[in-house]
């Protein structure tokens, strides 16, 4: 009778995938103007490419962190079973 080790999630692919998806989501939100103020009181001096970069980085950070938490939860769940 052989014992097979429990399958555990690998953290790096979870985090990298979450970061890439978050960057794409943040960049899409900025590129399509969903956060753009239709009637700005003070005009912005930032170019559109900078806004895409900022929101893309923020999305990568948030979704990458959420993916890391998901990987930790899945790892703890495999300890119980």
Protein backbone atom coordinates (compact mmCIF):
# COMPACT_ATOMS: atom_id res chain seq x y z
CA UNK A 1 0.00 0.00 0.00
CA UNK A 2 1.56 3.26 -1.09
CA UNK A 3 0.82 6.63 0.40
CA UNK A 4 0.52 9.54 -1.99
CA UNK A 5 1.34 12.99 -0.62
CA UNK A 6 -1.40 15.58 -0.57
CA UNK A 7 -1.46 17.94 -3.50
CA UNK A 8 -0.70 21.48 -2.41
CA UNK A 9 -1.08 24.67 -4.42
CA UNK A 10 2.12 26.33 -5.59
CA UNK A 11 2.08 29.92 -4.42
CA UNK A 12 4.06 31.62 -7.18
CA UNK A 13 1.75 30.64 -10.08
CA UNK A 14 -1.27 31.80 -8.04
CA UNK A 15 0.31 35.17 -7.30
CA UNK A 16 1.68 35.76 -10.81
CA UNK A 17 -1.62 34.81 -12.46
CA UNK A 18 -3.53 37.09 -10.09
CA UNK A 19 -1.13 39.95 -10.70
CA UNK A 20 -1.35 39.61 -14.48
CA UNK A 21 -5.15 39.43 -14.39
CA UNK A 22 -5.26 42.40 -12.02
CA UNK A 23 -3.00 44.46 -14.25
CA UNK A 24 -5.16 43.66 -17.27
CA UNK A 25 -8.32 44.53 -15.34
CA UNK A 26 -6.93 47.80 -13.99
CA UNK A 27 -5.52 48.74 -17.37
CA UNK A 28 -8.84 48.00 -19.07
CA UNK A 29 -10.73 50.09 -16.52
CA UNK A 30 -8.41 53.02 -17.19
CA UNK A 31 -8.17 52.58 -20.96
CA UNK A 32 -11.91 52.47 -21.51
CA UNK A 33 -12.45 55.50 -19.30
CA UNK A 34 -14.71 53.94 -16.69
CA UNK A 35 -13.09 56.06 -13.97
CA UNK A 36 -12.92 59.22 -16.05
CA UNK A 37 -14.73 62.26 -14.68
CA UNK A 38 -17.11 63.51 -17.40
CA UNK A 39 -17.09 67.09 -16.07
CA UNK A 40 -13.80 67.71 -14.26
CA UNK A 41 -13.50 70.83 -12.12
CA UNK A 42 -9.71 70.68 -12.29
CA UNK A 43 -8.30 69.26 -15.53
CA UNK A 44 -5.82 66.43 -15.14
CA UNK A 45 -2.23 66.77 -16.26
CA UNK A 46 -1.67 63.01 -16.42
CA UNK A 47 -1.53 61.34 -19.82
CA UNK A 48 -3.79 58.36 -20.42
CA UNK A 49 -0.83 55.97 -20.48
CA UNK A 50 0.15 57.00 -16.93
CA UNK A 51 -3.36 56.35 -15.69
CA UNK A 52 -3.32 52.91 -17.31
CA UNK A 53 -0.01 52.18 -15.59
CA UNK A 54 -1.17 53.40 -12.17
CA UNK A 55 -4.46 51.52 -12.22
CA UNK A 56 -2.78 48.48 -13.75
CA UNK A 57 -0.22 48.42 -10.94
CA UNK A 58 -2.93 48.90 -8.31
CA UNK A 59 -5.00 46.11 -9.86
CA UNK A 60 -1.97 43.82 -9.96
CA UNK A 61 -1.25 44.53 -6.31
CA UNK A 62 -4.82 43.97 -5.11
CA UNK A 63 -5.64 40.90 -7.20
CA UNK A 64 -2.18 39.40 -6.64
CA UNK A 65 -2.70 39.77 -2.89
CA UNK A 66 -6.16 38.20 -3.15
CA UNK A 67 -4.67 35.29 -5.12
CA UNK A 68 -2.02 34.80 -2.43
CA UNK A 69 -4.71 34.69 0.25
CA UNK A 70 -6.64 32.16 -1.85
CA UNK A 71 -3.53 30.00 -2.17
CA UNK A 72 -3.01 30.12 1.61
CA UNK A 73 -6.64 29.14 2.22
CA UNK A 74 -6.35 26.23 -0.20
CA UNK A 75 -3.08 25.16 1.40
CA UNK A 76 -4.64 25.16 4.87
CA UNK A 77 -7.62 23.24 3.54
CA UNK A 78 -5.38 20.45 2.24
CA UNK A 79 -3.88 20.09 5.74
CA UNK A 80 -7.29 19.17 7.16
CA UNK A 81 -8.14 16.47 4.66
